[in-house]
């Protein structure tokens, strides 16, 4: 059942990224209709992240208090409505308002998925499980290009936002029907529950009821800050693919709309497999006896280091070689993702504050996502449309992020809990019946 649950998490993240990436694909069409300058395009592409970042930490607290069964579908319903409302945009002001509403709704999605994995998977499977739900990021981004392009060509860009808004409403019906915590789920056997709890490595404090770690302690924890700052710099690079990438290929590199629709999705498609591979590598290293610190850092540091090859992009004349470099950079960036997403559960002081730690980490992610599109837009406006500075900046931020995870983050080994009490199978069967 745990694989079904993480599959729903992946689908939720797919819809979330399809929603948020739709604007970057539709922007070339919207900018013509609303006469939007490059600098203002950067503001519009960034607006989503203003509220998305602001609500990260409160979302983590809500998830720890009420759980993903309640918070996740509320969030999806909210963001689906605000996505569909984009069809009624009449100018820059209304686009900003609708994107702010979308950001509020999507804020809980990553903390929720991390919380789900921490509840449903033993430690030795968390990186792989995280890679499965994180695939939704690449799948949603990949689908946004052909889906939004096709819907725009068929019925205009407004139709695209309505269709993907409806998709989210359908998802929340399935989640409400399927999701329960492992101990409460009628389809979880005693054997699977024992497997889930076998090495979750809960701290003694977490098991003794000292679960509510005050926020002042989280704010004073160097590891929480390490996760937050590391993600800031990682997202400064990753946000390029989520925001300015379509405009870069269409406006700067001379891709036609048909060419972009045919090949623009390749980097995010390859990144899907790379995300899963990163999770497998991390968990295999942990299973083979490597320290958790090493098992999590190897895919993170190697992936972010290789992702810095994006800095070569503006100096490549061949568009074929350009797509190769961008694909390698995107895939390497995603290779690091699963191990990073497993870190909140590895460093949290209690299993009950994983959502809060994940909220802090994802807040860092959205600070990078917020700053990047604005900075790129301003640079383009002041440099006559040159992408050299933004792409070199993305490469530098990858290297800084890798250094932070290498030297600052410490995944502390925790005593394994192999003897956690598990309800006997016959008792569970009677309870279920």
Protein backbone atom coordinates (compact mmCIF):
# COMPACT_ATOMS: atom_id res chain seq x y z
CA UNK A 1 0.00 0.00 0.00
CA UNK A 2 2.90 2.37 0.66
CA UNK A 3 3.75 2.39 -3.06
CA UNK A 4 0.17 3.32 -3.94
CA UNK A 5 0.32 6.16 -1.44
CA UNK A 6 3.58 7.57 -2.82
CA UNK A 7 2.11 7.22 -6.31
CA UNK A 8 -0.72 9.57 -5.31
CA UNK A 9 1.90 11.96 -3.89
CA UNK A 10 3.73 11.89 -7.22
CA UNK A 11 0.53 12.60 -9.10
CA UNK A 12 -0.25 15.52 -6.78
CA UNK A 13 3.17 17.04 -7.41
CA UNK A 14 2.77 16.44 -11.16
CA UNK A 15 -0.40 18.52 -11.19
CA UNK A 16 1.22 21.19 -9.00
CA UNK A 17 4.14 21.63 -11.39
CA UNK A 18 1.89 21.50 -14.42
CA UNK A 19 -0.08 24.36 -12.86
CA UNK A 20 2.91 26.49 -11.94
CA UNK A 21 4.86 25.86 -15.17
CA UNK A 22 1.87 26.65 -17.38
CA UNK A 23 2.49 30.39 -17.10
CA UNK A 24 6.06 30.17 -18.41
CA UNK A 25 4.84 28.22 -21.46
CA UNK A 26 1.90 30.57 -22.03
CA UNK A 27 3.97 33.73 -21.37
CA UNK A 28 5.11 34.28 -24.98
CA UNK A 29 1.45 34.33 -26.03
CA UNK A 30 0.25 36.38 -23.04
CA UNK A 31 3.04 38.94 -23.43
CA UNK A 32 1.82 39.72 -26.94
CA UNK A 33 -1.79 40.11 -25.80
CA UNK A 34 -1.01 42.22 -22.73
CA UNK A 35 2.15 43.93 -24.10
CA UNK A 36 4.34 42.75 -21.20
CA UNK A 37 8.00 43.87 -21.06
CA UNK A 38 10.88 41.53 -20.15
CA UNK A 39 11.24 43.08 -16.68
CA UNK A 40 7.51 42.72 -15.98
CA UNK A 41 7.55 39.14 -17.28
CA UNK A 42 10.11 38.39 -14.59
CA UNK A 43 7.79 39.87 -11.96
CA UNK A 44 4.83 37.81 -13.20
CA UNK A 45 6.87 34.59 -13.29
CA UNK A 46 8.06 35.31 -9.77
CA UNK A 47 4.68 36.30 -8.26
CA UNK A 48 3.68 32.70 -7.56
CA UNK A 49 6.72 32.24 -5.32
CA UNK A 50 5.93 35.28 -3.13
CA UNK A 51 3.06 33.58 -1.34
CA UNK A 52 4.43 30.08 -1.97
CA UNK A 53 7.54 30.96 0.05
CA UNK A 54 5.62 32.91 2.71
CA UNK A 55 3.32 29.98 3.50
CA UNK A 56 5.96 27.22 3.56
CA UNK A 57 6.66 27.32 7.30
CA UNK A 58 2.99 27.66 8.37
CA UNK A 59 2.18 24.76 6.02
CA UNK A 60 4.74 22.56 7.75
CA UNK A 61 3.20 23.38 11.13
CA UNK A 62 -0.32 22.62 9.86
CA UNK A 63 0.84 19.29 8.45
CA UNK A 64 2.43 18.28 11.76
CA UNK A 65 -0.75 19.27 13.60
CA UNK A 66 -3.50 17.98 11.30
CA UNK A 67 -1.71 15.54 8.98
CA UNK A 68 -1.57 15.18 5.19
CA UNK A 69 -4.96 13.45 4.99
CA UNK A 70 -6.64 16.76 5.86
CA UNK A 71 -4.25 19.47 4.64
CA UNK A 72 -3.21 18.00 1.27
CA UNK A 73 -6.69 17.86 -0.37
CA UNK A 74 -7.60 21.30 0.98
CA UNK A 75 -4.45 22.68 -0.63
CA UNK A 76 -5.08 20.96 -3.98
CA UNK A 77 -8.69 22.16 -4.12
CA UNK A 78 -7.57 25.73 -3.39
CA UNK A 79 -4.80 25.83 -5.99
CA UNK A 80 -6.95 24.17 -8.67
CA UNK A 81 -9.55 26.92 -8.37
CA UNK A 82 -6.93 29.68 -8.62
CA UNK A 83 -5.37 27.97 -11.64
CA UNK A 84 -8.70 27.91 -13.47
CA UNK A 85 -9.30 31.57 -12.58
CA UNK A 86 -6.36 32.50 -14.81
CA UNK A 87 -8.78 32.14 -17.70
CA UNK A 88 -10.39 35.39 -16.51
CA UNK A 89 -7.15 37.42 -16.46
CA UNK A 90 -7.51 40.80 -18.14
CA UNK A 91 -4.06 42.24 -17.56
CA UNK A 92 -0.93 42.28 -15.42
CA UNK A 93 -2.77 43.04 -12.16
CA UNK A 94 -5.18 40.13 -12.39
CA UNK A 95 -2.40 37.72 -13.41
CA UNK A 96 -0.45 38.67 -10.27
CA UNK A 97 -3.51 38.18 -8.04
CA UNK A 98 -4.27 34.75 -9.46
CA UNK A 99 -0.63 33.65 -9.15
CA UNK A 100 -0.54 34.80 -5.52
CA UNK A 101 -3.61 32.66 -4.84
CA UNK A 102 -1.98 29.69 -6.56
CA UNK A 103 1.14 30.11 -4.41
CA UNK A 104 -0.87 29.92 -1.18
CA UNK A 105 -2.52 26.70 -2.26
CA UNK A 106 0.63 24.94 -3.44
CA UNK A 107 2.72 25.81 -0.37
CA UNK A 108 1.92 22.56 1.51
CA UNK A 109 2.65 20.19 -1.39
CA UNK A 110 6.33 19.38 -0.80
CA UNK A 111 6.16 19.37 3.02
CA UNK A 112 3.11 17.10 2.69
CA UNK A 113 4.92 14.65 0.43
CA UNK A 114 7.96 14.59 2.73
CA UNK A 115 5.66 14.02 5.72
CA UNK A 116 3.92 11.17 3.88
CA UNK A 117 7.24 9.44 3.11
CA UNK A 118 8.42 9.83 6.72
CA UNK A 119 5.23 8.12 7.92
CA UNK A 120 4.96 5.42 5.28
CA UNK A 121 8.54 4.31 4.60
CA UNK A 122 11.44 2.92 6.62
CA UNK A 123 14.62 4.95 6.53
CA UNK A 124 16.35 2.67 4.03
CA UNK A 125 13.62 3.31 1.42
CA UNK A 126 13.08 7.03 1.90
CA UNK A 127 15.39 8.40 -0.79
CA UNK A 128 13.89 6.09 -3.42
CA UNK A 129 10.35 6.88 -2.24
CA UNK A 130 11.21 10.60 -2.34
CA UNK A 131 12.52 10.18 -5.88
CA UNK A 132 9.19 8.64 -6.89
CA UNK A 133 7.08 11.55 -5.69
CA UNK A 134 9.69 14.06 -6.85
CA UNK A 135 9.29 12.65 -10.37
CA UNK A 136 6.07 14.62 -10.37
CA UNK A 137 8.16 17.78 -10.59
CA UNK A 138 9.76 16.69 -13.86
CA UNK A 139 6.64 15.01 -15.22
CA UNK A 140 4.55 18.14 -14.62
CA UNK A 141 7.19 20.38 -16.18
CA UNK A 142 7.55 17.98 -19.12
CA UNK A 143 3.81 17.80 -19.72
CA UNK A 144 3.38 21.55 -19.43
CA UNK A 145 5.18 22.19 -22.72
CA UNK A 146 3.19 19.94 -25.09
CA UNK A 147 -0.08 20.18 -23.12
CA UNK A 148 -0.18 23.97 -22.72
CA UNK A 149 1.16 24.50 -26.25
CA UNK A 150 -1.45 22.15 -27.76
CA UNK A 151 -4.33 23.59 -25.75
CA UNK A 152 -3.20 27.12 -26.57
CA UNK A 153 -3.04 26.40 -30.29
CA UNK A 154 -6.43 24.64 -30.10
CA UNK A 155 -8.44 27.04 -27.97
CA UNK A 156 -6.17 29.79 -26.65
CA UNK A 157 -4.02 30.01 -23.53
CA UNK A 158 -7.05 30.55 -21.28
CA UNK A 159 -8.36 27.06 -22.05
CA UNK A 160 -5.07 25.52 -20.87
CA UNK A 161 -5.51 26.90 -17.33
CA UNK A 162 -9.09 25.65 -17.08
CA UNK A 163 -8.18 22.10 -18.13
CA UNK A 164 -5.28 21.69 -15.70
CA UNK A 165 -7.36 23.25 -12.91
CA UNK A 166 -9.99 20.55 -13.38
CA UNK A 167 -7.27 17.86 -13.18
CA UNK A 168 -6.44 18.93 -9.63
CA UNK A 169 -10.06 18.70 -8.52
CA UNK A 170 -10.20 15.12 -9.77
CA UNK A 171 -7.04 14.23 -7.83
CA UNK A 172 -8.34 15.35 -4.46
CA UNK A 173 -11.32 12.97 -4.75
CA UNK A 174 -8.93 10.04 -5.11
CA UNK A 175 -6.70 11.19 -2.23
CA UNK A 176 -9.63 11.54 0.15
CA UNK A 177 -10.69 7.99 -0.67
CA UNK A 178 -7.26 6.34 -0.45
CA UNK A 179 -5.10 8.08 2.17
CA UNK A 180 -4.91 7.08 5.85
CA UNK A 181 -1.94 6.81 8.20
CA UNK A 182 -0.38 3.32 8.14
CA UNK A 183 -1.78 2.28 11.55
CA UNK A 184 -5.29 3.30 10.51
CA UNK A 185 -5.31 1.95 6.94
CA UNK A 186 -7.50 -1.13 6.42
CA UNK A 187 -5.32 -2.37 3.54
CA UNK A 188 -2.03 -2.34 5.45
CA UNK A 189 -1.11 -5.79 6.75
CA UNK A 190 0.75 -6.41 9.99
CA UNK A 191 3.77 -7.45 7.92
CA UNK A 192 3.83 -4.19 5.97
CA UNK A 193 3.36 -2.15 9.13
CA UNK A 194 6.28 -3.98 10.74
CA UNK A 195 8.38 -3.26 7.65
CA UNK A 196 7.45 0.43 7.68
CA UNK A 197 8.36 0.79 11.36
CA UNK A 198 11.45 -1.46 11.24
CA UNK A 199 14.14 1.22 10.97
CA UNK A 200 12.40 4.57 11.09
CA UNK A 201 14.95 5.66 13.67
CA UNK A 202 12.67 7.76 15.82
CA UNK A 203 14.53 9.53 18.56
CA UNK A 204 13.87 8.71 22.17
CA UNK A 205 12.46 12.18 22.67
CA UNK A 206 10.06 11.74 19.80
CA UNK A 207 8.81 8.44 21.19
CA UNK A 208 8.45 9.76 24.72
CA UNK A 209 6.01 12.46 23.70
CA UNK A 210 8.43 15.38 23.39
CA UNK A 211 7.27 15.86 19.85
CA UNK A 212 6.43 19.55 19.78
CA UNK A 213 9.80 21.16 19.19
CA UNK A 214 9.40 24.94 19.70
CA UNK A 215 10.04 27.04 16.62
CA UNK A 216 12.72 29.00 18.46
CA UNK A 217 14.67 25.73 18.76
CA UNK A 218 14.24 25.03 15.05
CA UNK A 219 15.39 28.56 14.24
CA UNK A 220 18.45 28.00 16.44
CA UNK A 221 19.31 24.66 14.85
CA UNK A 222 22.29 25.03 12.44
CA UNK A 223 21.12 22.02 10.43
CA UNK A 224 17.74 23.59 9.73
CA UNK A 225 19.56 26.66 8.40
CA UNK A 226 21.92 24.46 6.38
CA UNK A 227 18.98 22.77 4.64
CA UNK A 228 17.31 26.14 4.06
CA UNK A 229 20.32 27.98 2.63
CA UNK A 230 21.45 24.99 0.58
CA UNK A 231 18.07 24.90 -1.11
CA UNK A 232 18.12 28.66 -1.77
CA UNK A 233 21.16 28.30 -4.01
CA UNK A 234 19.95 25.06 -5.61
CA UNK A 235 16.69 26.76 -6.60
CA UNK A 236 18.40 29.85 -7.98
CA UNK A 237 19.63 27.52 -10.73
CA UNK A 238 16.61 25.24 -11.03
CA UNK A 239 14.15 28.12 -11.36
CA UNK A 240 15.54 28.92 -14.81
CA UNK A 241 14.00 25.74 -16.24
CA UNK A 242 10.69 26.50 -14.54
CA UNK A 243 10.40 30.13 -15.63
CA UNK A 244 12.65 31.59 -18.37
CA UNK A 245 13.61 28.40 -20.22
CA UNK A 246 10.83 28.58 -22.86
CA UNK A 247 11.53 32.26 -23.55
CA UNK A 248 15.26 31.55 -23.81
CA UNK A 249 14.77 28.94 -26.53
CA UNK A 250 12.06 30.86 -28.41
CA UNK A 251 13.39 34.42 -28.19
CA UNK A 252 17.16 34.07 -27.81
CA UNK A 253 18.00 30.82 -29.60
CA UNK A 254 15.53 31.21 -32.46
CA UNK A 255 13.45 28.05 -31.88
CA UNK A 256 10.13 28.07 -33.69
CA UNK A 257 7.00 27.25 -31.70
CA UNK A 258 6.81 23.89 -33.47
CA UNK A 259 10.47 23.12 -32.72
CA UNK A 260 10.02 24.06 -29.10
CA UNK A 261 6.94 21.86 -28.79
CA UNK A 262 8.92 18.92 -30.23
CA UNK A 263 12.18 19.14 -28.21
CA UNK A 264 11.65 21.61 -25.38
CA UNK A 265 10.39 18.87 -23.05
CA UNK A 266 13.48 16.65 -23.43
CA UNK A 267 15.49 17.99 -20.43
CA UNK A 268 12.61 17.50 -18.00
CA UNK A 269 11.83 14.06 -19.47
CA UNK A 270 15.39 12.81 -18.93
CA UNK A 271 15.30 14.35 -15.46
CA UNK A 272 12.49 11.95 -14.50
CA UNK A 273 14.78 8.94 -14.76
CA UNK A 274 17.63 10.86 -13.17
CA UNK A 275 15.49 11.66 -10.13
CA UNK A 276 14.74 7.97 -9.56
CA UNK A 277 18.36 7.00 -10.16
CA UNK A 278 19.52 9.45 -7.50
CA UNK A 279 17.14 7.93 -4.97
CA UNK A 280 18.26 4.40 -5.82
CA UNK A 281 21.95 5.28 -5.50
CA UNK A 282 21.42 6.94 -2.11
CA UNK A 283 19.37 4.08 -0.65
CA UNK A 284 21.68 1.41 -2.05
CA UNK A 285 24.65 3.12 -0.41
CA UNK A 286 22.78 3.20 2.89
CA UNK A 287 21.78 -0.46 2.57
CA UNK A 288 25.38 -1.47 1.82
CA UNK A 289 26.56 -0.10 5.14
CA UNK A 290 27.70 3.37 4.12
CA UNK A 291 27.04 6.10 6.67
CA UNK A 292 23.79 8.07 6.20
CA UNK A 293 25.91 11.21 5.88
CA UNK A 294 27.82 9.76 2.92
CA UNK A 295 24.83 8.00 1.34
CA UNK A 296 22.84 11.23 1.15
CA UNK A 297 25.69 13.56 0.18
CA UNK A 298 27.21 11.64 -2.75
CA UNK A 299 24.23 12.12 -5.12
CA UNK A 300 23.65 15.67 -3.85
CA UNK A 301 27.17 16.99 -4.32
CA UNK A 302 27.93 15.11 -7.55
CA UNK A 303 24.59 16.09 -9.08
CA UNK A 304 24.86 19.77 -8.24
CA UNK A 305 28.50 19.90 -9.36
CA UNK A 306 27.68 18.44 -12.77
CA UNK A 307 24.60 20.66 -13.10
CA UNK A 308 26.94 23.67 -13.21
CA UNK A 309 27.63 22.79 -16.87
CA UNK A 310 24.66 25.10 -17.64
CA UNK A 311 27.24 27.89 -17.56
CA UNK A 312 28.57 26.72 -20.95
CA UNK A 313 25.17 27.17 -22.65
CA UNK A 314 25.50 30.80 -23.83
CA UNK A 315 28.83 30.03 -25.54
CA UNK A 316 27.50 27.10 -27.61
CA UNK A 317 26.48 27.94 -31.18
CA UNK A 318 24.84 24.64 -32.14
CA UNK A 319 21.30 24.30 -30.85
CA UNK A 320 21.77 20.52 -30.86
CA UNK A 321 24.73 20.77 -28.49
CA UNK A 322 22.83 23.38 -26.49
CA UNK A 323 20.01 20.90 -25.84
CA UNK A 324 22.55 18.26 -24.82
CA UNK A 325 24.12 20.59 -22.24
CA UNK A 326 20.76 21.78 -20.91
CA UNK A 327 19.57 18.17 -20.65
CA UNK A 328 22.70 17.10 -18.74
CA UNK A 329 22.36 20.08 -16.40
CA UNK A 330 18.68 19.43 -15.72
CA UNK A 331 19.25 15.69 -15.19
CA UNK A 332 22.17 16.26 -12.81
CA UNK A 333 20.16 18.85 -10.87
CA UNK A 334 17.35 16.30 -10.47
CA UNK A 335 19.79 13.50 -9.53
CA UNK A 336 20.42 15.39 -6.28
CA UNK A 337 16.73 15.92 -5.51
CA UNK A 338 15.66 12.68 -3.82
CA UNK A 339 18.50 12.69 -1.29
CA UNK A 340 17.81 16.35 -0.47
CA UNK A 341 14.12 15.65 0.09
CA UNK A 342 14.97 12.81 2.49
CA UNK A 343 17.06 15.12 4.70
CA UNK A 344 14.28 16.66 6.87
CA UNK A 345 13.39 13.23 8.23
CA UNK A 346 17.10 12.51 8.79
CA UNK A 347 17.91 15.66 10.79
CA UNK A 348 14.58 16.40 12.53
CA UNK A 349 14.73 16.09 16.31
CA UNK A 350 11.40 14.27 16.37
CA UNK A 351 9.31 12.36 13.86
CA UNK A 352 6.49 14.76 14.68
CA UNK A 353 8.34 17.88 13.52
CA UNK A 354 9.41 16.55 10.10
CA UNK A 355 6.76 18.71 8.44
CA UNK A 356 8.09 21.86 10.12
CA UNK A 357 11.69 21.11 9.11
CA UNK A 358 10.51 20.35 5.57
CA UNK A 359 8.65 23.66 5.58
CA UNK A 360 11.85 25.53 6.45
CA UNK A 361 13.76 23.64 3.75
CA UNK A 362 11.15 24.32 1.09
CA UNK A 363 10.98 27.96 2.19
CA UNK A 364 14.63 28.18 1.14
CA UNK A 365 13.70 26.60 -2.16
CA UNK A 366 11.08 29.23 -2.83
CA UNK A 367 13.34 32.12 -1.88
CA UNK A 368 15.57 31.00 -4.74
CA UNK A 369 12.58 30.51 -7.03
CA UNK A 370 11.30 33.96 -6.14
CA UNK A 371 14.55 35.83 -6.68
CA UNK A 372 15.72 34.05 -9.83
CA UNK A 373 13.04 35.09 -12.38
CA UNK A 374 13.07 38.71 -11.20
CA UNK A 375 16.87 38.89 -11.37
CA UNK A 376 16.90 37.34 -14.84
CA UNK A 377 14.21 39.72 -16.08
CA UNK A 378 16.06 42.75 -14.77
CA UNK A 379 19.34 41.52 -16.24
CA UNK A 380 17.73 40.97 -19.65
CA UNK A 381 16.22 44.45 -19.56
CA UNK A 382 19.58 46.04 -18.74
CA UNK A 383 21.78 43.93 -21.05
CA UNK A 384 19.83 44.10 -24.28
CA UNK A 385 18.44 40.57 -23.80
CA UNK A 386 21.70 38.74 -23.05
CA UNK A 387 21.40 35.42 -21.18
CA UNK A 388 25.14 35.14 -20.45
CA UNK A 389 24.89 36.58 -16.95
CA UNK A 390 21.84 34.54 -15.86
CA UNK A 391 23.29 31.24 -17.07
CA UNK A 392 26.70 31.86 -15.49
CA UNK A 393 24.90 32.83 -12.30
CA UNK A 394 22.96 29.57 -12.38
CA UNK A 395 26.21 27.62 -12.69
CA UNK A 396 27.76 29.48 -9.75
CA UNK A 397 24.72 28.89 -7.54
CA UNK A 398 24.91 25.12 -8.25
CA UNK A 399 28.50 25.05 -7.00
CA UNK A 400 27.68 27.11 -3.90
CA UNK A 401 24.79 24.78 -3.07
CA UNK A 402 27.02 21.72 -3.47
CA UNK A 403 29.55 23.24 -1.07
CA UNK A 404 26.87 23.94 1.53
CA UNK A 405 25.60 20.35 1.48
CA UNK A 406 29.16 19.01 1.55
CA UNK A 407 30.59 21.07 4.40
CA UNK A 408 27.62 22.31 6.45
CA UNK A 409 24.91 19.64 6.42
CA UNK A 410 25.46 16.74 8.82
CA UNK A 411 23.18 13.70 8.77
CA UNK A 412 23.54 12.27 12.25
CA UNK A 413 23.26 8.48 12.68
CA UNK A 414 20.37 7.51 14.95
CA UNK A 415 19.86 4.22 16.75
CA UNK A 416 17.64 1.93 14.71
CA UNK A 417 14.31 0.97 16.21
CA UNK A 418 14.03 -2.68 15.27
CA UNK A 419 11.82 -3.60 18.23
CA UNK A 420 8.99 -1.10 17.91
CA UNK A 421 5.73 -2.71 19.02
CA UNK A 422 3.50 -3.79 16.17
CA UNK A 423 -0.11 -4.82 16.52
CA UNK A 424 -0.51 -8.60 15.96
CA UNK A 425 -2.01 -9.60 12.65
CA UNK A 426 -5.08 -11.22 14.23
CA UNK A 427 -5.82 -8.01 16.20
CA UNK A 428 -5.50 -5.93 13.04
CA UNK A 429 -7.80 -8.30 11.18
CA UNK A 430 -10.44 -8.03 13.91
CA UNK A 431 -10.08 -4.25 13.91
CA UNK A 432 -10.42 -4.09 10.14
CA UNK A 433 -13.46 -6.34 10.07
